[in-house]
């Protein structure tokens, strides 16, 4: 019975969200998620948005194909005016400064990542759990921390080979099947 109620609520709330663009095969957890100004959110194909997402799209959010957002990802496209020459109140005034966020194809955003206004995350990048993304991340970059720091790069040749194959997206290739394997083969 609980599952039936949850599915009905999911369908009800899902139908209320109108994105600017919604690609094919969108997987979206809506019950504990918020999508402010959803008409400014443009999603590619095979996008997976985990539970507890909070996307504040006062400006545009562009998401490429095959992007996976783990649970708890927050994206802001606006901030308060707190330090300009025309500041009219303290600690900040009623002016919101906006900048779009761009996320390239086949990016993986880890759990509880915060993405701030004006950021571009390049194709194939991986952002580790809990990172605060306040600056751009290059293509294939592996980035972690607060503030975010690029600590390495994915193997471009392998990524590009898979990128150019049909059905190489993880859920198209394996479905939801998980295989657990020790790191470093130990």
N, C-alpha and C. Protein backbone atom coordinates (compact mmCIF):
# COMPACT_ATOMS: atom_id res chain seq x y z
N UNK A 1 0.82 -1.20 0.00
CA UNK A 1 0.00 0.00 0.00
C UNK A 1 0.86 1.26 0.00
N UNK A 2 1.95 1.25 0.82
CA UNK A 2 2.84 2.41 0.87
C UNK A 2 3.46 2.67 -0.50
N UNK A 3 3.85 1.59 -1.18
CA UNK A 3 4.46 1.74 -2.50
C UNK A 3 3.47 2.35 -3.49
N UNK A 4 2.22 1.93 -3.44
CA UNK A 4 1.19 2.47 -4.31
C UNK A 4 1.00 3.96 -4.06
N UNK A 5 0.92 4.35 -2.81
CA UNK A 5 0.75 5.77 -2.46
C UNK A 5 1.96 6.57 -2.93
N UNK A 6 3.17 6.03 -2.68
CA UNK A 6 4.38 6.72 -3.12
C UNK A 6 4.39 6.90 -4.64
N UNK A 7 4.00 5.86 -5.38
CA UNK A 7 3.96 5.95 -6.84
C UNK A 7 2.93 6.96 -7.32
N UNK A 8 1.77 7.01 -6.68
CA UNK A 8 0.75 7.99 -7.04
C UNK A 8 1.23 9.41 -6.77
N UNK A 9 1.85 9.62 -5.61
CA UNK A 9 2.39 10.95 -5.29
C UNK A 9 3.48 11.34 -6.27
N UNK A 10 4.36 10.39 -6.60
CA UNK A 10 5.43 10.65 -7.55
C UNK A 10 4.85 11.10 -8.89
N UNK A 11 3.86 10.38 -9.39
CA UNK A 11 3.23 10.74 -10.67
C UNK A 11 2.58 12.11 -10.61
N UNK A 12 1.89 12.38 -9.51
CA UNK A 12 1.21 13.67 -9.36
C UNK A 12 2.22 14.82 -9.40
N UNK A 13 3.26 14.74 -8.58
CA UNK A 13 4.25 15.83 -8.52
C UNK A 13 5.09 15.89 -9.79
N UNK A 14 5.38 14.73 -10.38
CA UNK A 14 6.18 14.70 -11.62
C UNK A 14 5.47 15.45 -12.74
N UNK A 15 4.16 15.29 -12.83
CA UNK A 15 3.40 15.95 -13.89
C UNK A 15 3.31 17.46 -13.70
N UNK A 16 3.60 17.96 -12.51
CA UNK A 16 3.57 19.40 -12.25
C UNK A 16 4.86 20.10 -12.67
N UNK A 17 5.94 19.34 -12.88
CA UNK A 17 7.22 19.93 -13.24
C UNK A 17 7.31 20.06 -14.75
N UNK A 18 7.54 21.26 -15.23
CA UNK A 18 7.68 21.52 -16.66
C UNK A 18 9.07 22.09 -16.93
N UNK A 19 9.95 21.24 -17.44
CA UNK A 19 11.31 21.68 -17.76
C UNK A 19 11.33 22.43 -19.08
N UNK A 20 12.36 23.27 -19.28
CA UNK A 20 12.55 23.95 -20.55
C UNK A 20 12.77 22.95 -21.67
N UNK A 21 13.54 21.91 -21.39
CA UNK A 21 13.71 20.77 -22.29
C UNK A 21 13.92 19.54 -21.43
N UNK A 22 13.30 18.47 -21.84
CA UNK A 22 13.43 17.20 -21.14
C UNK A 22 13.78 16.14 -22.16
N UNK A 23 14.99 15.61 -22.07
CA UNK A 23 15.42 14.59 -23.01
C UNK A 23 14.74 13.25 -22.77
N UNK A 24 15.07 12.29 -23.60
CA UNK A 24 14.53 10.93 -23.48
C UNK A 24 15.14 10.22 -22.27
N UNK A 25 14.39 9.30 -21.71
CA UNK A 25 14.84 8.42 -20.63
C UNK A 25 15.30 9.18 -19.39
N UNK A 26 14.58 10.21 -19.01
CA UNK A 26 14.88 10.94 -17.79
C UNK A 26 14.46 10.11 -16.59
N UNK A 27 15.37 9.94 -15.63
CA UNK A 27 15.06 9.30 -14.36
C UNK A 27 15.13 10.39 -13.31
N UNK A 28 14.01 10.57 -12.61
CA UNK A 28 13.88 11.73 -11.73
C UNK A 28 13.18 11.33 -10.44
N UNK A 29 13.80 11.66 -9.32
CA UNK A 29 13.18 11.42 -8.02
C UNK A 29 12.60 12.75 -7.54
N UNK A 30 11.28 12.88 -7.55
CA UNK A 30 10.65 14.18 -7.30
C UNK A 30 10.11 14.38 -5.89
N UNK A 31 9.86 13.33 -5.14
CA UNK A 31 9.16 13.49 -3.87
C UNK A 31 9.90 14.37 -2.87
N UNK A 32 11.20 14.29 -2.80
CA UNK A 32 11.97 15.12 -1.88
C UNK A 32 12.86 16.11 -2.62
N UNK A 33 12.55 16.40 -3.87
CA UNK A 33 13.36 17.29 -4.68
C UNK A 33 12.62 18.58 -4.98
N UNK A 34 13.42 19.63 -5.29
CA UNK A 34 12.84 20.93 -5.62
C UNK A 34 13.46 21.42 -6.92
N UNK A 35 12.62 21.93 -7.80
CA UNK A 35 13.07 22.47 -9.07
C UNK A 35 12.45 23.85 -9.24
N UNK A 36 13.14 24.88 -8.75
CA UNK A 36 12.64 26.25 -8.82
C UNK A 36 12.88 26.80 -10.22
N UNK A 37 11.87 27.47 -10.80
CA UNK A 37 11.96 28.02 -12.16
C UNK A 37 12.33 26.91 -13.15
N UNK A 38 11.62 25.80 -13.09
CA UNK A 38 11.97 24.61 -13.88
C UNK A 38 11.97 24.86 -15.38
N UNK A 39 11.28 25.88 -15.85
CA UNK A 39 11.29 26.20 -17.29
C UNK A 39 12.69 26.62 -17.76
N UNK A 40 13.58 26.97 -16.83
CA UNK A 40 14.95 27.35 -17.16
C UNK A 40 15.93 26.18 -17.04
N UNK A 41 15.41 24.97 -16.86
CA UNK A 41 16.25 23.78 -16.74
C UNK A 41 16.12 22.98 -18.04
N UNK A 42 17.25 22.76 -18.72
CA UNK A 42 17.29 22.08 -20.01
C UNK A 42 18.11 20.80 -19.86
N UNK A 43 17.44 19.65 -19.99
CA UNK A 43 18.04 18.35 -19.72
C UNK A 43 18.23 17.55 -21.00
N UNK A 44 19.41 16.95 -21.16
CA UNK A 44 19.68 16.08 -22.29
C UNK A 44 19.06 14.70 -22.09
N UNK A 45 19.43 13.76 -22.96
CA UNK A 45 18.94 12.39 -22.88
C UNK A 45 19.66 11.62 -21.77
N UNK A 46 18.99 10.61 -21.23
CA UNK A 46 19.58 9.70 -20.23
C UNK A 46 20.12 10.42 -19.00
N UNK A 47 19.42 11.43 -18.54
CA UNK A 47 19.81 12.14 -17.32
C UNK A 47 19.15 11.46 -16.13
N UNK A 48 19.91 11.28 -15.05
CA UNK A 48 19.42 10.64 -13.84
C UNK A 48 19.63 11.61 -12.68
N UNK A 49 18.52 12.07 -12.08
CA UNK A 49 18.58 13.01 -10.96
C UNK A 49 18.11 12.28 -9.71
N UNK A 50 19.02 12.08 -8.77
CA UNK A 50 18.72 11.35 -7.55
C UNK A 50 17.83 12.14 -6.61
N UNK A 51 17.42 11.50 -5.51
CA UNK A 51 16.52 12.15 -4.55
C UNK A 51 17.18 13.34 -3.85
N UNK A 52 16.33 14.20 -3.28
CA UNK A 52 16.75 15.36 -2.51
C UNK A 52 17.54 16.38 -3.32
N UNK A 53 17.29 16.44 -4.62
CA UNK A 53 17.92 17.45 -5.46
C UNK A 53 17.27 18.80 -5.20
N UNK A 54 18.03 19.87 -5.39
CA UNK A 54 17.51 21.23 -5.26
C UNK A 54 18.15 22.07 -6.36
N UNK A 55 17.40 22.28 -7.45
CA UNK A 55 17.89 23.06 -8.59
C UNK A 55 17.18 24.40 -8.59
N UNK A 56 17.91 25.47 -8.37
CA UNK A 56 17.35 26.82 -8.36
C UNK A 56 17.76 27.51 -9.65
N UNK A 57 16.86 27.53 -10.62
CA UNK A 57 17.18 27.98 -11.98
C UNK A 57 16.64 29.37 -12.25
N UNK A 58 17.03 30.35 -11.44
CA UNK A 58 16.68 31.74 -11.74
C UNK A 58 17.30 32.12 -13.08
N UNK A 59 18.47 31.56 -13.39
CA UNK A 59 19.09 31.64 -14.71
C UNK A 59 19.09 30.21 -15.26
N UNK A 60 19.58 30.03 -16.43
CA UNK A 60 19.49 28.75 -17.13
C UNK A 60 20.44 27.70 -16.54
N UNK A 61 19.95 26.46 -16.46
CA UNK A 61 20.78 25.29 -16.14
C UNK A 61 20.74 24.39 -17.36
N UNK A 62 21.90 24.16 -17.99
CA UNK A 62 22.01 23.29 -19.16
C UNK A 62 22.73 22.01 -18.75
N UNK A 63 22.06 20.88 -18.96
CA UNK A 63 22.61 19.57 -18.58
C UNK A 63 22.72 18.72 -19.84
N UNK A 64 23.91 18.19 -20.11
CA UNK A 64 24.14 17.37 -21.29
C UNK A 64 23.53 15.99 -21.18
N UNK A 65 23.86 15.15 -22.14
CA UNK A 65 23.37 13.77 -22.18
C UNK A 65 24.13 12.90 -21.17
N UNK A 66 23.43 11.91 -20.60
CA UNK A 66 24.07 10.91 -19.78
C UNK A 66 24.64 11.41 -18.46
N UNK A 67 24.10 12.49 -17.94
CA UNK A 67 24.60 13.04 -16.67
C UNK A 67 23.90 12.34 -15.51
N UNK A 68 24.67 11.98 -14.50
CA UNK A 68 24.13 11.35 -13.30
C UNK A 68 24.37 12.27 -12.11
N UNK A 69 23.27 12.62 -11.44
CA UNK A 69 23.32 13.40 -10.20
C UNK A 69 23.01 12.45 -9.06
N UNK A 70 23.94 12.25 -8.15
CA UNK A 70 23.69 11.43 -6.96
C UNK A 70 22.71 12.18 -6.05
N UNK A 71 22.24 11.54 -4.99
CA UNK A 71 21.30 12.21 -4.08
C UNK A 71 21.89 13.49 -3.47
N UNK A 72 21.01 14.46 -3.26
CA UNK A 72 21.36 15.66 -2.51
C UNK A 72 22.11 16.74 -3.27
N UNK A 73 22.16 16.68 -4.60
CA UNK A 73 22.87 17.71 -5.37
C UNK A 73 22.08 19.01 -5.36
N UNK A 74 22.79 20.12 -5.14
CA UNK A 74 22.18 21.45 -5.15
C UNK A 74 22.86 22.27 -6.24
N UNK A 75 22.04 22.94 -7.08
CA UNK A 75 22.56 23.85 -8.09
C UNK A 75 21.90 25.21 -7.89
N UNK A 76 22.72 26.24 -7.73
CA UNK A 76 22.22 27.62 -7.63
C UNK A 76 22.67 28.40 -8.86
N UNK A 77 21.77 29.21 -9.39
CA UNK A 77 22.13 30.11 -10.49
C UNK A 77 22.01 31.57 -10.07
N UNK A 78 21.81 31.81 -8.78
CA UNK A 78 21.71 33.19 -8.30
C UNK A 78 22.37 33.32 -6.94
N UNK A 79 22.75 34.56 -6.66
CA UNK A 79 23.32 34.89 -5.36
C UNK A 79 22.88 36.30 -5.00
N UNK A 80 23.09 36.68 -3.77
CA UNK A 80 22.70 38.01 -3.32
C UNK A 80 23.76 39.04 -3.70
N UNK A 81 23.32 40.27 -3.91
CA UNK A 81 24.20 41.41 -4.11
C UNK A 81 24.64 41.89 -2.72
N UNK A 82 25.91 41.68 -2.39
CA UNK A 82 26.38 42.05 -1.06
C UNK A 82 27.64 42.91 -1.06
N UNK A 83 28.21 43.18 -2.26
CA UNK A 83 29.48 43.90 -2.25
C UNK A 83 29.67 44.78 -3.48
N UNK A 84 28.61 45.27 -4.07
CA UNK A 84 28.76 46.12 -5.25
C UNK A 84 28.74 47.60 -4.86
N UNK A 85 29.11 48.45 -5.81
CA UNK A 85 29.12 49.90 -5.55
C UNK A 85 27.73 50.45 -5.29
N UNK A 86 26.70 49.76 -5.78
CA UNK A 86 25.33 50.26 -5.60
C UNK A 86 24.56 49.48 -4.52
N UNK A 87 25.27 48.87 -3.57
CA UNK A 87 24.64 48.15 -2.47
C UNK A 87 23.69 49.08 -1.72
N UNK A 88 22.45 48.60 -1.49
CA UNK A 88 21.42 49.46 -0.90
C UNK A 88 20.99 49.04 0.50
N UNK A 89 21.46 47.92 1.01
CA UNK A 89 21.10 47.45 2.34
C UNK A 89 22.17 46.47 2.81
N UNK A 90 22.21 46.19 4.09
CA UNK A 90 23.15 45.21 4.61
C UNK A 90 22.40 44.12 5.37
N UNK A 91 22.83 42.88 5.41
CA UNK A 91 24.07 42.38 4.83
C UNK A 91 24.04 42.24 3.31
N UNK A 92 22.85 42.28 2.70
CA UNK A 92 22.72 42.26 1.24
C UNK A 92 21.41 42.97 0.90
N UNK A 93 21.26 43.33 -0.38
CA UNK A 93 20.01 44.01 -0.77
C UNK A 93 19.10 43.06 -1.54
N UNK A 94 18.08 43.61 -2.17
CA UNK A 94 17.08 42.77 -2.83
C UNK A 94 17.42 42.43 -4.28
N UNK A 95 18.61 42.74 -4.72
CA UNK A 95 19.03 42.42 -6.09
C UNK A 95 19.66 41.02 -6.09
N UNK A 96 19.19 40.18 -7.01
CA UNK A 96 19.78 38.86 -7.20
C UNK A 96 20.67 38.89 -8.42
N UNK A 97 21.89 38.45 -8.27
CA UNK A 97 22.83 38.35 -9.38
C UNK A 97 22.75 36.92 -9.91
N UNK A 98 22.53 36.76 -11.21
CA UNK A 98 22.34 35.43 -11.79
C UNK A 98 23.42 35.10 -12.81
N UNK A 99 23.69 33.83 -12.97
CA UNK A 99 24.60 33.33 -14.00
C UNK A 99 24.23 31.88 -14.28
N UNK A 100 24.27 31.49 -15.55
CA UNK A 100 23.86 30.12 -15.89
C UNK A 100 24.92 29.10 -15.48
N UNK A 101 24.46 27.86 -15.35
CA UNK A 101 25.32 26.72 -15.03
C UNK A 101 25.25 25.77 -16.22
N UNK A 102 26.41 25.29 -16.67
CA UNK A 102 26.49 24.37 -17.80
C UNK A 102 27.21 23.10 -17.38
N UNK A 103 26.58 21.96 -17.67
CA UNK A 103 27.15 20.66 -17.33
C UNK A 103 27.21 19.83 -18.61
N UNK A 104 28.42 19.39 -18.98
CA UNK A 104 28.64 18.67 -20.23
C UNK A 104 28.10 17.25 -20.22
N UNK A 105 28.30 16.56 -21.34
CA UNK A 105 27.83 15.18 -21.50
C UNK A 105 28.57 14.22 -20.57
N UNK A 106 27.85 13.22 -20.07
CA UNK A 106 28.39 12.09 -19.31
C UNK A 106 29.23 12.52 -18.11
N UNK A 107 28.71 13.48 -17.40
CA UNK A 107 29.32 13.95 -16.15
C UNK A 107 28.67 13.18 -15.00
N UNK A 108 29.44 12.90 -13.98
CA UNK A 108 28.94 12.24 -12.78
C UNK A 108 29.15 13.19 -11.61
N UNK A 109 28.04 13.61 -10.99
CA UNK A 109 28.07 14.52 -9.85
C UNK A 109 27.77 13.69 -8.60
N UNK A 110 28.69 13.67 -7.64
CA UNK A 110 28.54 12.85 -6.44
C UNK A 110 27.53 13.40 -5.45
N UNK A 111 27.31 12.64 -4.39
CA UNK A 111 26.33 12.95 -3.35
C UNK A 111 26.65 14.29 -2.67
N UNK A 112 25.58 15.08 -2.45
CA UNK A 112 25.65 16.33 -1.68
C UNK A 112 26.64 17.35 -2.25
N UNK A 113 26.78 17.39 -3.56
CA UNK A 113 27.61 18.41 -4.21
C UNK A 113 26.80 19.70 -4.32
N UNK A 114 27.47 20.83 -4.10
CA UNK A 114 26.88 22.16 -4.27
C UNK A 114 27.55 22.82 -5.47
N UNK A 115 26.74 23.20 -6.48
CA UNK A 115 27.25 23.86 -7.68
C UNK A 115 26.75 25.30 -7.66
N UNK A 116 27.68 26.26 -7.74
CA UNK A 116 27.35 27.67 -7.60
C UNK A 116 27.19 28.36 -8.96
N UNK A 117 26.61 29.56 -8.99
CA UNK A 117 26.30 30.26 -10.25
C UNK A 117 27.53 30.48 -11.13
N UNK A 118 27.31 30.37 -12.45
CA UNK A 118 28.34 30.69 -13.43
C UNK A 118 29.33 29.59 -13.73
N UNK A 119 29.13 28.41 -13.18
CA UNK A 119 30.09 27.31 -13.32
C UNK A 119 29.81 26.51 -14.59
N UNK A 120 30.90 26.05 -15.24
CA UNK A 120 30.81 25.09 -16.33
C UNK A 120 31.59 23.85 -15.92
N UNK A 121 30.94 22.69 -16.04
CA UNK A 121 31.59 21.41 -15.76
C UNK A 121 31.70 20.69 -17.10
N UNK A 122 32.94 20.42 -17.52
CA UNK A 122 33.19 19.89 -18.85
C UNK A 122 32.79 18.43 -19.03
N UNK A 123 32.70 18.04 -20.28
CA UNK A 123 32.32 16.67 -20.68
C UNK A 123 33.18 15.65 -19.94
N UNK A 124 32.52 14.61 -19.43
CA UNK A 124 33.22 13.49 -18.84
C UNK A 124 33.80 13.72 -17.46
N UNK A 125 33.55 14.87 -16.87
CA UNK A 125 34.10 15.17 -15.55
C UNK A 125 33.41 14.35 -14.46
N UNK A 126 34.10 14.18 -13.35
CA UNK A 126 33.56 13.52 -12.16
C UNK A 126 33.78 14.47 -10.99
N UNK A 127 32.70 14.73 -10.23
CA UNK A 127 32.79 15.61 -9.07
C UNK A 127 32.50 14.77 -7.83
N UNK A 128 33.46 14.70 -6.92
CA UNK A 128 33.35 13.86 -5.73
C UNK A 128 32.34 14.37 -4.72
N UNK A 129 31.86 13.47 -3.90
CA UNK A 129 30.83 13.75 -2.90
C UNK A 129 31.23 14.93 -2.01
N UNK A 130 30.26 15.80 -1.74
CA UNK A 130 30.45 16.91 -0.82
C UNK A 130 31.22 18.09 -1.37
N UNK A 131 31.60 18.06 -2.63
CA UNK A 131 32.37 19.16 -3.21
C UNK A 131 31.53 20.43 -3.32
N UNK A 132 32.20 21.57 -3.23
CA UNK A 132 31.57 22.87 -3.48
C UNK A 132 32.20 23.41 -4.75
N UNK A 133 31.43 23.42 -5.84
CA UNK A 133 31.94 23.79 -7.15
C UNK A 133 31.71 25.28 -7.37
N UNK A 134 32.77 26.06 -7.18
CA UNK A 134 32.68 27.51 -7.32
C UNK A 134 33.47 28.00 -8.52
N UNK A 135 34.12 27.08 -9.24
CA UNK A 135 34.87 27.44 -10.44
C UNK A 135 34.72 26.31 -11.46
N UNK A 136 35.07 26.61 -12.70
CA UNK A 136 34.91 25.64 -13.79
C UNK A 136 35.77 24.39 -13.56
N UNK A 137 35.25 23.27 -14.06
CA UNK A 137 35.98 22.00 -14.06
C UNK A 137 36.17 21.62 -15.53
N UNK A 138 37.42 21.34 -15.95
CA UNK A 138 37.66 21.05 -17.36
C UNK A 138 37.13 19.68 -17.77
N UNK A 139 37.05 19.47 -19.08
CA UNK A 139 36.65 18.16 -19.60
C UNK A 139 37.52 17.07 -18.99
N UNK A 140 36.89 15.96 -18.62
CA UNK A 140 37.53 14.76 -18.07
C UNK A 140 38.14 14.97 -16.68
N UNK A 141 37.96 16.15 -16.09
CA UNK A 141 38.54 16.43 -14.79
C UNK A 141 37.89 15.63 -13.68
N UNK A 142 38.69 15.21 -12.71
CA UNK A 142 38.20 14.58 -11.49
C UNK A 142 38.43 15.60 -10.39
N UNK A 143 37.34 16.06 -9.77
CA UNK A 143 37.44 17.18 -8.85
C UNK A 143 36.77 16.85 -7.52
N UNK A 144 37.38 17.30 -6.43
CA UNK A 144 36.86 17.05 -5.08
C UNK A 144 37.12 18.28 -4.21
N UNK A 145 36.45 18.32 -3.06
CA UNK A 145 36.79 19.27 -2.01
C UNK A 145 35.97 20.53 -1.94
N UNK A 146 36.30 21.32 -0.91
CA UNK A 146 35.66 22.62 -0.66
C UNK A 146 36.76 23.61 -0.31
N UNK A 147 37.10 24.51 -1.26
CA UNK A 147 36.55 24.63 -2.61
C UNK A 147 37.05 23.51 -3.51
N UNK A 148 36.32 23.28 -4.58
CA UNK A 148 36.65 22.17 -5.47
C UNK A 148 38.05 22.35 -6.06
N UNK A 149 38.73 21.22 -6.20
CA UNK A 149 40.08 21.21 -6.78
C UNK A 149 40.18 20.00 -7.71
N UNK A 150 40.73 20.21 -8.90
CA UNK A 150 40.94 19.11 -9.84
C UNK A 150 42.16 18.32 -9.36
N UNK A 151 41.95 17.03 -9.11
CA UNK A 151 43.03 16.18 -8.59
C UNK A 151 43.55 15.19 -9.63
N UNK A 152 42.91 15.14 -10.79
CA UNK A 152 43.33 14.22 -11.83
C UNK A 152 42.40 14.30 -13.03
N UNK A 153 42.65 13.42 -13.98
CA UNK A 153 41.85 13.39 -15.21
C UNK A 153 41.52 11.95 -15.57
N UNK A 154 40.34 11.78 -16.14
CA UNK A 154 39.94 10.47 -16.65
C UNK A 154 40.78 10.14 -17.88
N UNK A 155 40.81 8.87 -18.24
CA UNK A 155 41.55 8.44 -19.42
C UNK A 155 40.75 8.81 -20.66
N UNK A 156 41.17 9.89 -21.32
CA UNK A 156 40.43 10.48 -22.44
C UNK A 156 40.21 9.48 -23.57
N UNK A 157 41.22 8.69 -23.90
CA UNK A 157 41.11 7.76 -25.02
C UNK A 157 40.01 6.72 -24.76
N UNK A 158 39.98 6.17 -23.56
CA UNK A 158 38.96 5.17 -23.21
C UNK A 158 37.58 5.83 -23.18
N UNK A 159 37.50 7.01 -22.56
CA UNK A 159 36.22 7.72 -22.49
C UNK A 159 35.69 8.01 -23.89
N UNK A 160 36.55 8.57 -24.75
CA UNK A 160 36.11 8.93 -26.11
C UNK A 160 35.70 7.71 -26.92
N UNK A 161 36.40 6.59 -26.74
CA UNK A 161 36.02 5.36 -27.45
C UNK A 161 34.62 4.92 -27.02
N UNK A 162 34.35 4.93 -25.72
CA UNK A 162 33.02 4.56 -25.22
C UNK A 162 31.97 5.59 -25.64
N UNK A 163 32.34 6.86 -25.61
CA UNK A 163 31.44 7.96 -25.97
C UNK A 163 30.91 7.79 -27.40
N UNK A 164 31.76 7.28 -28.28
CA UNK A 164 31.39 7.14 -29.69
C UNK A 164 30.70 5.82 -30.02
N UNK A 165 30.55 4.94 -29.03
CA UNK A 165 29.83 3.68 -29.24
C UNK A 165 28.35 3.86 -28.92
N UNK A 166 27.48 3.18 -29.68
CA UNK A 166 26.06 3.23 -29.31
C UNK A 166 25.81 2.48 -28.00
N UNK A 167 24.88 2.98 -27.22
CA UNK A 167 24.46 2.33 -25.96
C UNK A 167 25.58 2.12 -24.95
N UNK A 168 26.52 3.05 -24.87
CA UNK A 168 27.59 2.90 -23.88
C UNK A 168 27.21 3.50 -22.53
N UNK A 169 26.09 4.21 -22.46
CA UNK A 169 25.64 4.78 -21.19
C UNK A 169 25.37 3.66 -20.20
N UNK A 170 25.80 3.82 -18.96
CA UNK A 170 25.79 2.75 -17.97
C UNK A 170 24.43 2.06 -17.85
N UNK A 171 23.34 2.81 -17.79
CA UNK A 171 22.04 2.18 -17.58
C UNK A 171 21.51 1.53 -18.85
N UNK A 172 21.95 1.99 -20.03
CA UNK A 172 21.58 1.31 -21.27
C UNK A 172 22.33 -0.01 -21.38
N UNK A 173 23.57 -0.03 -20.89
CA UNK A 173 24.42 -1.20 -21.04
C UNK A 173 24.15 -2.26 -19.97
N UNK A 174 23.96 -1.84 -18.71
CA UNK A 174 23.86 -2.78 -17.60
C UNK A 174 22.54 -2.74 -16.85
N UNK A 175 21.66 -1.81 -17.18
CA UNK A 175 20.46 -1.63 -16.38
C UNK A 175 20.85 -1.16 -14.99
N UNK A 176 20.19 -1.65 -13.98
CA UNK A 176 20.50 -1.23 -12.60
C UNK A 176 21.37 -2.26 -11.86
N UNK A 177 21.88 -3.26 -12.58
CA UNK A 177 22.68 -4.31 -11.97
C UNK A 177 24.00 -3.73 -11.45
N UNK A 178 24.33 -4.04 -10.21
CA UNK A 178 25.58 -3.59 -9.60
C UNK A 178 26.49 -4.79 -9.37
N UNK A 179 27.76 -4.59 -9.63
CA UNK A 179 28.78 -5.60 -9.36
C UNK A 179 29.77 -4.97 -8.40
N UNK A 180 29.94 -5.56 -7.24
CA UNK A 180 30.87 -5.01 -6.26
C UNK A 180 32.22 -5.69 -6.40
N UNK A 181 33.26 -4.87 -6.49
CA UNK A 181 34.61 -5.37 -6.69
C UNK A 181 35.55 -4.54 -5.82
N UNK A 182 36.47 -5.17 -5.15
CA UNK A 182 37.43 -4.46 -4.31
C UNK A 182 38.30 -3.56 -5.17
N UNK A 183 38.62 -2.37 -4.64
CA UNK A 183 39.54 -1.48 -5.33
C UNK A 183 40.91 -2.14 -5.42
N UNK A 184 41.62 -1.88 -6.48
CA UNK A 184 42.99 -2.37 -6.69
C UNK A 184 43.07 -3.90 -6.71
N UNK A 185 41.95 -4.57 -6.96
CA UNK A 185 41.93 -6.02 -7.11
C UNK A 185 42.23 -6.81 -5.85
N UNK A 186 42.26 -6.17 -4.70
CA UNK A 186 42.58 -6.87 -3.44
C UNK A 186 41.34 -7.35 -2.76
